[in-house]
Amino acid sequence: MLIPLLLHVAPFIKNAVATGCLLVLVSLLWSIGKTLMRGQTTLQRLHQIPCYRCIFFTGDYRLKCTVHPHKALSEEAIGCLDYESAVRLSSTYRRSCTNGTAKRKAVL
């Protein structure tokens, strides 16, 4: 009596198992996609931290920033009011040094 019932229910069980496996696979792929999107958002946010381009950034792990050492290289530093571009300052400094050297040579 049990065997005919199992033979009759077996195709439905196979379909249920296949559907369950498909749902698990779709759920896994959705979770991976969501994690990748969240990681991309986090990376975009972290790339907005300007510390490594700042004139006050030391690069030393003991004192990362001379103005705000507790905020350096964290998300709190994104809107830092004391940020000064090291690239802009160094190019301005190079121009002033070059002009000063040229004037001194002309005077000598």
N, C-alpha and C. Protein backbone atom coordinates (compact mmCIF):
# COMPACT_ATOMS: atom_id res chain seq x y z
N MET A 1 0.81 -1.19 0.00
CA MET A 1 0.00 0.00 0.00
C MET A 1 0.87 1.27 0.00
N LEU A 2 1.97 1.24 0.69
CA LEU A 2 2.87 2.39 0.74
C LEU A 2 3.66 2.55 -0.55
N ILE A 3 4.03 1.46 -1.17
CA ILE A 3 4.84 1.52 -2.39
C ILE A 3 4.07 2.18 -3.54
N PRO A 4 2.82 1.85 -3.80
CA PRO A 4 2.12 2.55 -4.87
C PRO A 4 1.97 4.04 -4.59
N LEU A 5 1.82 4.39 -3.33
CA LEU A 5 1.70 5.81 -2.97
C LEU A 5 3.02 6.54 -3.23
N LEU A 6 4.15 5.92 -2.88
CA LEU A 6 5.46 6.52 -3.14
C LEU A 6 5.73 6.65 -4.63
N LEU A 7 5.33 5.67 -5.42
CA LEU A 7 5.51 5.75 -6.87
C LEU A 7 4.66 6.87 -7.47
N HIS A 8 3.55 7.12 -6.88
CA HIS A 8 2.66 8.16 -7.37
C HIS A 8 3.16 9.56 -6.96
N VAL A 9 3.80 9.68 -5.79
CA VAL A 9 4.26 10.96 -5.25
C VAL A 9 5.69 11.29 -5.70
N ALA A 10 6.46 10.32 -6.14
CA ALA A 10 7.87 10.50 -6.50
C ALA A 10 8.10 11.62 -7.53
N PRO A 11 7.34 11.74 -8.61
CA PRO A 11 7.57 12.84 -9.55
C PRO A 11 7.38 14.22 -8.91
N PHE A 12 6.43 14.33 -8.01
CA PHE A 12 6.20 15.61 -7.33
C PHE A 12 7.35 15.96 -6.40
N ILE A 13 7.91 14.93 -5.76
CA ILE A 13 9.05 15.15 -4.86
C ILE A 13 10.26 15.60 -5.67
N LYS A 14 10.48 14.99 -6.83
CA LYS A 14 11.59 15.39 -7.70
C LYS A 14 11.44 16.85 -8.13
N ASN A 15 10.23 17.23 -8.49
CA ASN A 15 9.98 18.62 -8.89
C ASN A 15 10.19 19.58 -7.73
N ALA A 16 9.77 19.17 -6.54
CA ALA A 16 9.93 20.02 -5.36
C ALA A 16 11.40 20.20 -5.03
N VAL A 17 12.18 19.14 -5.14
CA VAL A 17 13.62 19.21 -4.86
C VAL A 17 14.30 20.10 -5.91
N ALA A 18 13.94 19.93 -7.16
CA ALA A 18 14.52 20.74 -8.22
C ALA A 18 14.17 22.22 -8.03
N THR A 19 12.93 22.49 -7.67
CA THR A 19 12.50 23.87 -7.42
C THR A 19 13.24 24.45 -6.22
N GLY A 20 13.40 23.65 -5.18
CA GLY A 20 14.14 24.10 -4.00
C GLY A 20 15.59 24.42 -4.31
N CYS A 21 16.23 23.57 -5.11
CA CYS A 21 17.62 23.82 -5.52
C CYS A 21 17.72 25.08 -6.35
N LEU A 22 16.75 25.29 -7.24
CA LEU A 22 16.74 26.49 -8.06
C LEU A 22 16.56 27.75 -7.20
N LEU A 23 15.69 27.68 -6.21
CA LEU A 23 15.49 28.82 -5.31
C LEU A 23 16.75 29.13 -4.50
N VAL A 24 17.42 28.10 -4.05
CA VAL A 24 18.67 28.30 -3.30
C VAL A 24 19.73 28.94 -4.19
N LEU A 25 19.83 28.49 -5.43
CA LEU A 25 20.81 29.03 -6.37
C LEU A 25 20.51 30.50 -6.68
N VAL A 26 19.25 30.81 -6.94
CA VAL A 26 18.86 32.20 -7.22
C VAL A 26 19.13 33.08 -6.00
N SER A 27 18.81 32.56 -4.82
CA SER A 27 19.06 33.32 -3.59
C SER A 27 20.56 33.58 -3.39
N LEU A 28 21.38 32.59 -3.68
CA LEU A 28 22.83 32.74 -3.56
C LEU A 28 23.36 33.79 -4.54
N LEU A 29 22.91 33.72 -5.78
CA LEU A 29 23.35 34.71 -6.78
C LEU A 29 22.88 36.11 -6.42
N TRP A 30 21.68 36.24 -5.91
CA TRP A 30 21.15 37.55 -5.50
C TRP A 30 21.98 38.10 -4.35
N SER A 31 22.32 37.24 -3.40
CA SER A 31 23.12 37.66 -2.25
C SER A 31 24.52 38.11 -2.68
N ILE A 32 25.12 37.38 -3.60
CA ILE A 32 26.45 37.76 -4.10
C ILE A 32 26.37 39.11 -4.82
N GLY A 33 25.36 39.30 -5.64
CA GLY A 33 25.19 40.58 -6.34
C GLY A 33 24.99 41.74 -5.38
N LYS A 34 24.17 41.52 -4.35
CA LYS A 34 23.93 42.57 -3.36
C LYS A 34 25.21 42.91 -2.60
N THR A 35 26.00 41.91 -2.27
CA THR A 35 27.26 42.13 -1.56
C THR A 35 28.24 42.90 -2.43
N LEU A 36 28.30 42.56 -3.71
CA LEU A 36 29.19 43.29 -4.61
C LEU A 36 28.77 44.75 -4.77
N MET A 37 27.48 45.00 -4.84
CA MET A 37 26.98 46.38 -4.94
C MET A 37 27.32 47.17 -3.67
N ARG A 38 27.15 46.54 -2.52
CA ARG A 38 27.47 47.19 -1.25
C ARG A 38 28.97 47.47 -1.15
N GLY A 39 29.78 46.53 -1.62
CA GLY A 39 31.23 46.73 -1.62
C GLY A 39 31.64 47.86 -2.54
N GLN A 40 31.01 47.98 -3.70
CA GLN A 40 31.32 49.06 -4.62
C GLN A 40 30.96 50.41 -4.01
N THR A 41 29.81 50.49 -3.33
CA THR A 41 29.40 51.72 -2.68
C THR A 41 30.39 52.11 -1.58
N THR A 42 30.83 51.13 -0.81
CA THR A 42 31.80 51.40 0.25
C THR A 42 33.13 51.87 -0.33
N LEU A 43 33.59 51.25 -1.39
CA LEU A 43 34.85 51.67 -2.01
C LEU A 43 34.75 53.08 -2.58
N GLN A 44 33.63 53.42 -3.19
CA GLN A 44 33.45 54.77 -3.70
C GLN A 44 33.50 55.78 -2.57
N ARG A 45 32.90 55.45 -1.44
CA ARG A 45 32.92 56.34 -0.27
C ARG A 45 34.34 56.48 0.28
N LEU A 46 35.07 55.38 0.37
CA LEU A 46 36.42 55.43 0.92
C LEU A 46 37.39 56.16 0.00
N HIS A 47 37.13 56.14 -1.29
CA HIS A 47 38.01 56.87 -2.23
C HIS A 47 37.79 58.37 -2.15
N GLN A 48 36.81 58.83 -1.41
CA GLN A 48 36.59 60.26 -1.23
C GLN A 48 37.43 60.83 -0.09
N ILE A 49 38.09 59.97 0.67
CA ILE A 49 38.94 60.43 1.77
C ILE A 49 40.17 61.12 1.18
N PRO A 50 40.37 62.42 1.46
CA PRO A 50 41.42 63.17 0.79
C PRO A 50 42.78 63.17 1.50
N CYS A 51 42.92 62.44 2.58
CA CYS A 51 44.11 62.58 3.43
C CYS A 51 45.44 62.39 2.70
N TYR A 52 45.53 61.40 1.87
CA TYR A 52 46.83 61.12 1.24
C TYR A 52 47.25 62.21 0.27
N ARG A 53 46.33 63.10 -0.12
CA ARG A 53 46.68 64.21 -1.02
C ARG A 53 46.86 65.53 -0.25
N CYS A 54 46.79 65.48 1.07
CA CYS A 54 46.83 66.70 1.89
C CYS A 54 48.26 67.02 2.30
N ILE A 55 48.54 68.30 2.45
CA ILE A 55 49.86 68.76 2.85
C ILE A 55 50.17 68.37 4.30
N PHE A 56 49.13 68.20 5.13
CA PHE A 56 49.32 67.87 6.54
C PHE A 56 49.45 66.37 6.78
N PHE A 57 49.28 65.56 5.76
CA PHE A 57 49.39 64.10 5.90
C PHE A 57 50.86 63.72 5.95
N THR A 58 51.26 63.00 7.01
CA THR A 58 52.67 62.68 7.20
C THR A 58 53.05 61.34 6.59
N GLY A 59 52.11 60.40 6.49
CA GLY A 59 52.43 59.08 5.99
C GLY A 59 53.00 58.17 7.05
N ASP A 60 53.21 58.67 8.25
CA ASP A 60 53.72 57.88 9.36
C ASP A 60 52.54 57.29 10.12
N TYR A 61 52.62 56.02 10.50
CA TYR A 61 51.49 55.38 11.16
C TYR A 61 51.28 55.91 12.58
N ARG A 62 52.29 56.52 13.17
CA ARG A 62 52.13 57.04 14.53
C ARG A 62 51.40 58.38 14.55
N LEU A 63 51.64 59.23 13.58
CA LEU A 63 50.96 60.52 13.46
C LEU A 63 50.63 60.73 11.99
N LYS A 64 49.42 60.34 11.64
CA LYS A 64 49.02 60.39 10.23
C LYS A 64 48.78 61.81 9.76
N CYS A 65 48.20 62.64 10.62
CA CYS A 65 47.87 64.02 10.25
C CYS A 65 48.28 64.93 11.40
N THR A 66 48.91 66.04 11.08
CA THR A 66 49.36 66.95 12.14
C THR A 66 48.25 67.83 12.66
N VAL A 67 47.16 67.99 11.91
CA VAL A 67 46.06 68.85 12.34
C VAL A 67 44.96 68.05 13.04
N HIS A 68 44.53 66.95 12.42
CA HIS A 68 43.46 66.10 12.98
C HIS A 68 43.91 64.65 13.01
N PRO A 69 44.74 64.27 13.96
CA PRO A 69 45.25 62.89 13.96
C PRO A 69 44.17 61.84 14.22
N HIS A 70 43.10 62.20 14.94
CA HIS A 70 42.05 61.22 15.23
C HIS A 70 41.12 61.01 14.04
N LYS A 71 41.06 61.94 13.11
CA LYS A 71 40.20 61.83 11.94
C LYS A 71 40.92 61.29 10.71
N ALA A 72 42.22 61.28 10.73
CA ALA A 72 43.01 60.95 9.53
C ALA A 72 42.69 59.55 9.01
N LEU A 73 42.54 59.46 7.70
CA LEU A 73 42.27 58.22 6.98
C LEU A 73 40.99 57.53 7.45
N SER A 74 40.02 58.28 7.91
CA SER A 74 38.72 57.72 8.27
C SER A 74 37.64 58.47 7.50
N GLU A 75 36.40 58.00 7.61
CA GLU A 75 35.31 58.66 6.90
C GLU A 75 35.02 60.04 7.46
N GLU A 76 35.45 60.32 8.67
CA GLU A 76 35.27 61.66 9.25
C GLU A 76 36.09 62.70 8.50
N ALA A 77 37.11 62.31 7.80
CA ALA A 77 37.99 63.24 7.11
C ALA A 77 37.46 63.67 5.75
N ILE A 78 36.34 63.14 5.31
CA ILE A 78 35.84 63.45 3.97
C ILE A 78 35.53 64.93 3.82
N GLY A 79 34.96 65.58 4.81
CA GLY A 79 34.66 67.01 4.69
C GLY A 79 35.62 67.87 5.47
N CYS A 80 36.87 67.50 5.58
CA CYS A 80 37.84 68.21 6.41
C CYS A 80 38.00 69.67 5.94
N LEU A 81 37.83 70.59 6.86
CA LEU A 81 37.93 72.01 6.54
C LEU A 81 39.38 72.48 6.42
N ASP A 82 40.31 71.73 7.00
CA ASP A 82 41.72 72.11 6.96
C ASP A 82 42.48 71.46 5.81
N TYR A 83 41.79 70.83 4.90
CA TYR A 83 42.45 70.15 3.78
C TYR A 83 43.15 71.16 2.88
N GLU A 84 44.41 70.91 2.62
CA GLU A 84 45.20 71.70 1.67
C GLU A 84 45.85 70.72 0.71
N SER A 85 45.63 70.92 -0.56
CA SER A 85 46.17 70.00 -1.55
C SER A 85 47.69 70.08 -1.60
N ALA A 86 48.33 68.96 -1.42
CA ALA A 86 49.79 68.91 -1.49
C ALA A 86 50.26 69.10 -2.92
N VAL A 87 49.49 68.65 -3.89
CA VAL A 87 49.88 68.78 -5.29
C VAL A 87 49.85 70.24 -5.70
N ARG A 88 48.79 70.96 -5.33
CA ARG A 88 48.67 72.37 -5.69
C ARG A 88 49.77 73.18 -5.01
N LEU A 89 50.00 72.92 -3.73
CA LEU A 89 51.00 73.66 -2.99
C LEU A 89 52.40 73.39 -3.54
N SER A 90 52.69 72.14 -3.84
CA SER A 90 54.03 71.83 -4.32
C SER A 90 54.28 72.42 -5.70
N SER A 91 53.25 72.44 -6.57
CA SER A 91 53.46 73.04 -7.89
C SER A 91 53.61 74.55 -7.78
N THR A 92 52.88 75.20 -6.85
CA THR A 92 53.04 76.63 -6.63
C THR A 92 54.42 76.91 -6.06
N TYR A 93 54.86 76.07 -5.13
CA TYR A 93 56.19 76.24 -4.53
C TYR A 93 57.27 76.07 -5.59
N ARG A 94 57.11 75.07 -6.46
CA ARG A 94 58.11 74.86 -7.51
C ARG A 94 58.18 76.06 -8.44
N ARG A 95 57.03 76.64 -8.79
CA ARG A 95 57.02 77.80 -9.69
C ARG A 95 57.72 78.98 -9.03
N SER A 96 57.43 79.20 -7.73
CA SER A 96 58.05 80.34 -7.06
C SER A 96 59.55 80.13 -6.90
N CYS A 97 59.97 78.91 -6.65
CA CYS A 97 61.40 78.63 -6.53
C CYS A 97 62.09 78.79 -7.88
N THR A 98 61.43 78.32 -8.92
CA THR A 98 62.02 78.43 -10.26
C THR A 98 62.15 79.89 -10.66
N ASN A 99 61.13 80.67 -10.40
CA ASN A 99 61.18 82.10 -10.73
C ASN A 99 62.24 82.81 -9.90
N GLY A 100 62.34 82.46 -8.62
CA GLY A 100 63.33 83.09 -7.77
C GLY A 100 64.73 82.75 -8.20
N THR A 101 64.97 81.50 -8.60
CA THR A 101 66.28 81.08 -9.06
C THR A 101 66.65 81.78 -10.35
N ALA A 102 65.68 81.90 -11.23
CA ALA A 102 65.94 82.58 -12.51
C ALA A 102 66.29 84.04 -12.27
N LYS A 103 65.62 84.69 -11.33
CA LYS A 103 65.90 86.10 -11.04
C LYS A 103 67.28 86.25 -10.43
N ARG A 104 67.63 85.30 -9.52
CA ARG A 104 68.95 85.39 -8.90
C ARG A 104 70.05 85.20 -9.93
N LYS A 105 69.87 84.31 -10.85
CA LYS A 105 70.88 84.11 -11.88
C LYS A 105 71.01 85.32 -12.78
N ALA A 106 69.86 85.95 -13.04
CA ALA A 106 69.90 87.15 -13.90
C ALA A 106 70.59 88.29 -13.20
N VAL A 107 70.42 88.38 -11.86
CA VAL A 107 71.02 89.46 -11.11
C VAL A 107 72.53 89.25 -11.00
N LEU A 108 72.95 88.01 -10.83
CA LEU A 108 74.38 87.74 -10.69
C LEU A 108 75.04 88.00 -11.99
